[in-house]
Protein backbone atom coordinates (compact mmCIF):
# COMPACT_ATOMS: atom_id res chain seq x y z
CA UNK A 1 105.50 123.11 99.54
CA UNK A 2 108.41 122.10 101.76
CA UNK A 3 111.96 122.14 100.42
CA UNK A 4 114.97 120.67 102.22
CA UNK A 5 117.80 123.14 102.62
CA UNK A 6 120.17 120.98 100.58
CA UNK A 7 117.63 120.93 97.73
CA UNK A 8 117.08 124.70 97.59
CA UNK A 9 119.80 125.29 94.99
CA UNK A 10 118.37 122.70 92.61
CA UNK A 11 114.87 124.13 93.04
CA UNK A 12 116.05 127.66 92.30
CA UNK A 13 117.81 126.39 89.19
CA UNK A 14 114.53 124.94 87.92
CA UNK A 15 112.70 128.22 88.44
CA UNK A 16 111.75 130.75 91.11
CA UNK A 17 108.60 130.40 93.12
CA UNK A 18 106.80 133.67 93.98
CA UNK A 19 107.00 133.10 97.75
CA UNK A 20 109.69 131.64 100.03
CA UNK A 21 109.64 131.19 103.80
CA UNK A 22 112.88 130.52 105.67
CA UNK A 23 112.58 129.46 109.31
CA UNK A 24 115.31 128.41 111.72
CA UNK A 25 117.88 129.73 114.21
CA UNK A 26 121.12 128.93 112.35
CA UNK A 27 122.07 132.42 111.20
CA UNK A 28 124.81 131.42 108.74
CA UNK A 29 122.71 128.85 106.89
CA UNK A 30 119.68 131.14 106.84
CA UNK A 31 121.71 134.00 105.39
CA UNK A 32 123.23 131.72 102.76
CA UNK A 33 119.76 130.50 101.75
CA UNK A 34 118.55 134.11 101.51
CA UNK A 35 121.60 135.06 99.43
CA UNK A 36 120.92 132.16 97.05
CA UNK A 37 117.32 133.29 96.54
CA UNK A 38 118.45 136.89 95.96
CA UNK A 39 121.07 135.81 93.42
CA UNK A 40 118.57 133.68 91.51
CA UNK A 41 116.09 136.57 91.56
CA UNK A 42 118.62 139.09 90.28
CA UNK A 43 119.48 136.76 87.41
CA UNK A 44 115.82 136.79 86.44
CA UNK A 45 115.39 140.55 86.47
CA UNK A 46 114.35 141.33 90.05
CA UNK A 47 116.31 144.56 90.31
CA UNK A 48 114.72 146.26 93.33
CA UNK A 49 114.50 145.07 96.92
CA UNK A 50 112.41 146.26 99.87
CA UNK A 51 113.03 145.01 103.40
CA UNK A 52 110.74 145.16 106.44
CA UNK A 53 111.45 144.08 110.01
CA UNK A 54 108.36 143.39 112.10
CA UNK A 55 109.00 144.84 115.55
CA UNK A 56 106.39 145.20 118.27
CA UNK A 57 102.69 144.52 118.46
CA UNK A 58 101.81 147.80 116.72
CA UNK A 59 103.77 147.26 113.52
CA UNK A 60 101.99 148.82 110.54
CA UNK A 61 101.47 146.11 107.93
CA UNK A 62 99.93 148.49 105.41
CA UNK A 63 103.37 149.41 104.09
CA UNK A 64 104.23 145.74 103.52
CA UNK A 65 100.98 145.12 101.68
CA UNK A 66 101.48 148.25 99.59
CA UNK A 67 105.03 147.23 98.68
CA UNK A 68 103.84 143.83 97.56
CA UNK A 69 101.32 145.41 95.21
CA UNK A 70 103.39 148.21 93.69
CA UNK A 71 106.42 148.63 91.47
CA UNK A 72 109.10 151.27 91.18
CA UNK A 73 109.11 153.35 88.01
CA UNK A 74 112.65 152.10 87.38
CA UNK A 75 112.26 148.39 88.17
CA UNK A 76 110.58 145.61 86.25
CA UNK A 77 110.49 143.20 89.17
CA UNK A 78 111.08 143.47 92.91
CA UNK A 79 111.92 141.40 95.98
CA UNK A 80 109.98 142.06 99.20
CA UNK A 81 111.68 140.66 102.31
CA UNK A 82 109.79 140.43 105.59
CA UNK A 83 111.74 139.59 108.76
CA UNK A 84 109.80 138.56 111.86
CA UNK A 85 112.47 138.04 114.57
CA UNK A 86 109.94 137.02 117.23
CA UNK A 87 108.18 134.52 114.99
CA UNK A 88 104.89 136.12 116.08
CA UNK A 89 103.30 138.33 113.42
CA UNK A 90 100.28 139.18 115.59
CA UNK A 91 96.66 139.22 114.51
CA UNK A 92 97.09 141.92 111.83
CA UNK A 93 100.29 140.32 110.59
CA UNK A 94 98.71 136.88 110.35
CA UNK A 95 95.92 138.33 108.22
CA UNK A 96 98.39 140.25 106.05
CA UNK A 97 100.59 137.20 105.50
CA UNK A 98 97.59 135.12 104.47
CA UNK A 99 96.52 137.83 102.06
CA UNK A 100 100.01 138.10 100.55
CA UNK A 101 100.36 134.33 100.31
CA UNK A 102 97.03 133.98 98.48
CA UNK A 103 98.02 136.71 96.00
CA UNK A 104 101.59 135.47 95.44
CA UNK A 105 100.95 132.84 92.71
CA UNK A 106 99.32 135.41 90.46
CA UNK A 107 101.93 138.13 90.96
CA UNK A 108 104.80 137.62 88.50
CA UNK A 109 106.44 140.94 89.33
CA UNK A 110 107.03 140.44 93.06
CA UNK A 111 109.07 137.81 94.86
CA UNK A 112 108.26 137.66 98.59
CA UNK A 113 110.64 136.17 101.16
CA UNK A 114 109.54 135.73 104.80
CA UNK A 115 112.36 135.15 107.30
CA UNK A 116 111.49 133.61 110.68
CA UNK A 117 113.30 132.07 113.64
CA UNK A 118 112.79 128.45 114.66
CA UNK A 119 109.08 127.81 115.15
CA UNK A 120 107.33 125.43 117.51
CA UNK A 121 104.81 122.90 116.24
CA UNK A 122 101.81 125.00 117.28
CA UNK A 123 103.01 127.95 115.20
CA UNK A 124 103.79 125.76 112.20
CA UNK A 125 100.24 124.44 112.22
CA UNK A 126 98.70 127.92 112.45
CA UNK A 127 96.63 129.38 109.61
CA UNK A 128 99.13 132.04 108.53
CA UNK A 129 102.07 129.63 108.29
CA UNK A 130 99.89 127.06 106.53
CA UNK A 131 99.03 129.74 103.95
CA UNK A 132 102.71 130.50 103.35
CA UNK A 133 103.41 126.80 102.92
CA UNK A 134 100.43 126.21 100.63
CA UNK A 135 101.16 129.07 98.24
CA UNK A 136 104.96 129.08 98.29
CA UNK A 137 108.05 127.15 99.33
CA UNK A 138 109.12 126.77 102.96
CA UNK A 139 112.66 125.88 103.97
CA UNK A 140 113.32 124.65 107.51
CA UNK A 141 116.88 125.45 108.53
CA UNK A 142 117.97 123.10 111.30
CA UNK A 143 121.20 123.52 113.25
CA UNK A 144 124.09 121.21 112.42
CA UNK A 145 124.31 118.74 115.31
CA UNK A 146 127.65 118.27 117.01
CA UNK A 147 128.08 114.75 115.64
CA UNK A 148 127.47 116.02 112.09
CA UNK A 149 129.92 118.91 112.29
CA UNK A 150 133.07 117.08 111.06
CA UNK A 151 131.17 115.97 107.95
CA UNK A 152 129.82 119.49 107.43
CA UNK A 153 133.35 120.89 107.63
CA UNK A 154 134.57 118.29 105.12
CA UNK A 155 131.79 119.27 102.68
CA UNK A 156 132.66 122.96 102.98
CA UNK A 157 136.34 122.23 102.38
CA UNK A 158 135.43 120.16 99.32
CA UNK A 159 133.39 123.05 97.93
CA UNK A 160 136.56 125.17 97.83
CA UNK A 161 138.69 122.35 96.42
CA UNK A 162 140.33 121.22 99.64
CA UNK A 163 140.25 118.02 101.67
CA UNK A 164 141.91 116.52 104.72
CA UNK A 165 144.30 113.58 104.52
CA UNK A 166 142.52 110.25 104.07
CA UNK A 167 142.20 107.78 106.89
CA UNK A 168 142.61 108.18 110.63
CA UNK A 169 144.67 111.37 110.42
CA UNK A 170 141.96 113.08 108.37
CA UNK A 171 139.21 112.05 110.78
CA UNK A 172 141.32 113.27 113.70
CA UNK A 173 141.86 116.58 111.86
CA UNK A 174 138.13 117.09 111.28
CA UNK A 175 137.37 116.21 114.90
CA UNK A 176 139.98 118.69 116.10
CA UNK A 177 138.48 121.37 113.84
CA UNK A 178 134.99 120.67 115.23
CA UNK A 179 136.25 120.80 118.81
CA UNK A 180 137.87 124.18 118.26
CA UNK A 181 134.78 125.91 116.86
CA UNK A 182 132.36 124.18 119.27
CA UNK A 183 129.31 124.15 117.01
CA UNK A 184 129.57 127.80 115.98
CA UNK A 185 128.99 127.55 112.22
CA UNK A 186 129.96 131.15 111.57
CA UNK A 187 133.31 130.58 113.27
CA UNK A 188 133.78 127.34 111.31
CA UNK A 189 132.89 129.12 108.06
CA UNK A 190 135.46 131.85 108.73
CA UNK A 191 138.20 129.33 109.52
CA UNK A 192 137.39 127.32 106.38
CA UNK A 193 137.69 130.50 104.32
CA UNK A 194 141.00 131.22 106.02
CA UNK A 195 142.32 127.82 104.93
CA UNK A 196 141.41 128.69 101.33
CA UNK A 197 143.51 131.85 101.60
CA UNK A 198 146.44 130.16 103.31
CA UNK A 199 146.72 127.00 101.21
CA UNK A 200 146.09 126.00 97.58
CA UNK A 201 143.48 123.50 96.49
CA UNK A 202 144.26 119.91 97.38
CA UNK A 203 145.11 118.00 100.52
CA UNK A 204 145.42 119.62 103.94
CA UNK A 205 147.59 118.06 106.63
CA UNK A 206 146.87 117.97 110.35
CA UNK A 207 149.68 120.47 110.95
CA UNK A 208 148.26 122.96 108.44
CA UNK A 209 144.77 122.84 109.92
CA UNK A 210 146.08 123.00 113.48
CA UNK A 211 148.22 126.07 112.73
CA UNK A 212 145.28 127.84 111.08
CA UNK A 213 142.60 127.29 113.71
CA UNK A 214 144.61 126.99 116.94
CA UNK A 215 143.54 129.45 119.62
CA UNK A 216 140.63 130.84 117.64
CA UNK A 217 137.76 128.80 119.09
CA UNK A 218 134.53 130.68 119.63
CA UNK A 219 132.67 129.05 122.51
CA UNK A 220 128.93 129.44 122.60
CA UNK A 221 127.35 129.45 126.06
CA UNK A 222 124.14 128.06 124.61
CA UNK A 223 126.00 125.06 123.15
CA UNK A 224 127.10 124.24 126.68
CA UNK A 225 123.64 122.74 127.31
CA UNK A 226 124.14 120.02 124.72
CA UNK A 227 127.44 118.92 126.23
CA UNK A 228 126.14 119.00 129.82
CA UNK A 229 122.92 117.14 129.05
CA UNK A 230 124.94 114.52 127.15
CA UNK A 231 127.21 113.95 130.15
CA UNK A 232 130.36 114.85 128.18
CA UNK A 233 132.60 115.81 131.09
CA UNK A 234 135.80 116.55 129.16
CA UNK A 235 133.98 118.65 126.56
CA UNK A 236 132.10 120.56 129.25
CA UNK A 237 135.30 121.45 131.07
CA UNK A 238 136.96 122.52 127.82
CA UNK A 239 134.00 124.74 126.97
CA UNK A 240 133.97 126.33 130.43
CA UNK A 241 137.71 127.02 130.17
CA UNK A 242 137.15 128.57 126.74
CA UNK A 243 134.26 130.73 127.91
CA UNK A 244 136.31 131.99 130.84
CA UNK A 245 139.31 132.73 128.62
CA UNK A 246 137.13 134.69 126.21
CA UNK A 247 135.73 136.82 129.03
CA UNK A 248 132.18 135.51 129.00
CA UNK A 249 130.04 136.74 131.93
CA UNK A 250 129.69 134.18 134.72
CA UNK A 251 126.06 135.15 135.23
CA UNK A 252 125.21 134.29 131.61
CA UNK A 253 126.82 130.85 131.90
CA UNK A 254 124.92 130.27 135.14
CA UNK A 255 121.68 131.37 133.51
CA UNK A 256 122.13 128.82 130.71
CA UNK A 257 122.76 125.98 133.16
CA UNK A 258 119.98 127.03 135.52
CA UNK A 259 117.46 127.31 132.66
CA UNK A 260 118.09 123.67 131.76
CA UNK A 261 117.72 122.59 135.38
CA UNK A 262 114.44 124.47 135.77
CA UNK A 263 113.15 123.04 132.50
CA UNK A 264 114.05 119.51 133.59
CA UNK A 265 112.21 120.04 136.88
CA UNK A 266 109.10 121.46 135.18
CA UNK A 267 108.87 118.60 132.70
CA UNK A 268 109.44 116.01 135.43
CA UNK A 269 106.71 117.59 137.56
CA UNK A 270 104.35 117.46 134.58
CA UNK A 271 105.17 113.78 134.07
CA UNK A 272 104.49 113.11 137.74
CA UNK A 273 101.10 114.77 137.30
CA UNK A 274 100.25 112.22 134.62
CA UNK A 275 101.14 114.00 131.41
CA UNK A 276 102.93 112.03 128.68
CA UNK A 277 106.53 113.05 128.14
CA UNK A 278 105.97 114.41 124.58
CA UNK A 279 103.14 116.64 125.81
CA UNK A 280 105.17 117.85 128.80
CA UNK A 281 108.10 118.73 126.52
CA UNK A 282 105.87 120.57 124.06
CA UNK A 283 104.16 122.60 126.78
CA UNK A 284 107.54 123.64 128.15
CA UNK A 285 108.83 124.59 124.69
CA UNK A 286 111.58 121.97 124.61
CA UNK A 287 112.38 120.88 121.05
CA UNK A 288 115.13 119.92 118.63
CA UNK A 289 118.35 118.43 119.94
CA UNK A 290 117.45 119.34 123.52
CA UNK A 291 114.15 117.47 123.19
CA UNK A 292 116.00 114.24 122.38
CA UNK A 293 118.40 114.77 125.28
CA UNK A 294 115.51 115.36 127.69
CA UNK A 295 113.76 112.23 126.42
CA UNK A 296 116.83 110.17 127.24
CA UNK A 297 117.61 111.81 130.56
CA UNK A 298 114.27 112.36 132.30
CA UNK A 299 113.04 108.76 132.73
CA UNK A 300 116.15 107.96 134.78
CA UNK A 301 116.30 111.25 136.72
CA UNK A 302 114.85 111.07 140.22
CA UNK A 303 112.84 113.87 141.81
CA UNK A 304 115.42 114.05 144.62
CA UNK A 305 118.31 114.47 142.17
CA UNK A 306 116.55 117.27 140.32
CA UNK A 307 115.70 118.99 143.60
CA UNK A 308 119.39 118.88 144.60
CA UNK A 309 120.38 120.35 141.26
CA UNK A 310 117.88 123.15 141.69
CA UNK A 311 119.32 123.94 145.11
CA UNK A 312 122.85 123.88 143.70
CA UNK A 313 121.82 126.29 140.95
CA UNK A 314 120.40 128.63 143.59
CA UNK A 315 123.68 128.47 145.53
CA UNK A 316 125.83 129.15 142.48
CA UNK A 317 123.59 132.08 141.55
CA UNK A 318 124.72 133.74 144.76
CA UNK A 319 128.38 132.83 144.26
CA UNK A 320 128.63 134.39 140.77
CA UNK A 321 127.09 137.53 142.26
CA UNK A 322 129.72 137.74 145.01
CA UNK A 323 128.12 135.83 147.90
CA UNK A 324 129.83 133.05 149.84
CA UNK A 325 128.37 129.60 150.44
CA UNK A 326 129.55 126.88 152.82
CA UNK A 327 131.20 123.84 151.19
CA UNK A 328 131.27 125.52 147.78
CA UNK A 329 134.21 127.14 145.90
CA UNK A 330 134.18 130.90 146.26
CA UNK A 331 135.49 131.40 142.72
CA UNK A 332 132.57 131.75 140.32
CA UNK A 333 134.07 129.65 137.52
CA UNK A 334 134.98 126.85 139.91
CA UNK A 335 131.43 126.87 141.24
CA UNK A 336 130.03 126.80 137.69
CA UNK A 337 132.29 123.85 136.90
CA UNK A 338 131.00 121.96 139.93
CA UNK A 339 127.39 122.66 138.98
CA UNK A 340 127.98 121.55 135.39
CA UNK A 341 129.66 118.34 136.54
CA UNK A 342 126.71 117.60 138.83
CA UNK A 343 124.46 117.91 135.77
CA UNK A 344 126.77 115.64 133.78
CA UNK A 345 126.54 113.03 136.52
CA UNK A 346 122.76 113.09 136.22
CA UNK A 347 123.03 112.50 132.47
CA UNK A 348 125.48 109.58 132.63
């Protein structure tokens, strides 16, 4: 059974299911979903909690299976949480998860929660995940896209009794807020909570929001891809300036840009070999927001342009490591800016 994230609260209110699976890479939303399940479970007498983190190929699943089938002398009901950071439980883990999933509907004393990262389509169609879905509730936790962020901020403000001024000023305020946190939901969440402490319930002006969030942007190097692949020159430059100001490592920023360039080249080569674009994207593990950006960009990208980008990435790799290159800035951040703008040009 699949449950949308925004429907989880209503489902928990109706009654707990014995098995929940949370999968996605948005840490804040995943933690909030887990907290909601825990709170609902505590209200229904689940007083003990066991937590397991699956690490490495030789993880011993016997302890997890034993926990799912036993109770403490002092607890009537228990929660068993299983975290699989890699998203790969392995052969033994797959068998254990299928066994636990099959037993879950008949076990009223144990609530099992499996926490996973974002999964590709092949994993989601595997036998172990299908078993979790068939015998419990699965919640896919997607990231909040950049265009949706102002609305997400407005909803969070409303939940604490606050709102921006109506009309153009309010929309400008929300856009400013979104620009400052650059897609980092945890940063946005913290700044929203700060506004609740600083101001009473009711209307927030542009000046109040600006004063609260100014100079506290948290720039995420991995969000840089979205801006670059969308051809958003001004946003890209703002993000690079923010990353530099916050002391981010030049080599990490270069790695993020170069990974996108290499992925574009691999998918384009696969297309040239006759593979359909969806298949080429899937084989190269390109999904989500980036998948849509690749779909828009690749048909218009020439082989020569991608080859030039790959060469530029190689050049900048040397610059950020202290080497000099003819006709390129010797400052690493200036070279990164030039590389990013070349990518933006490809996307426009």
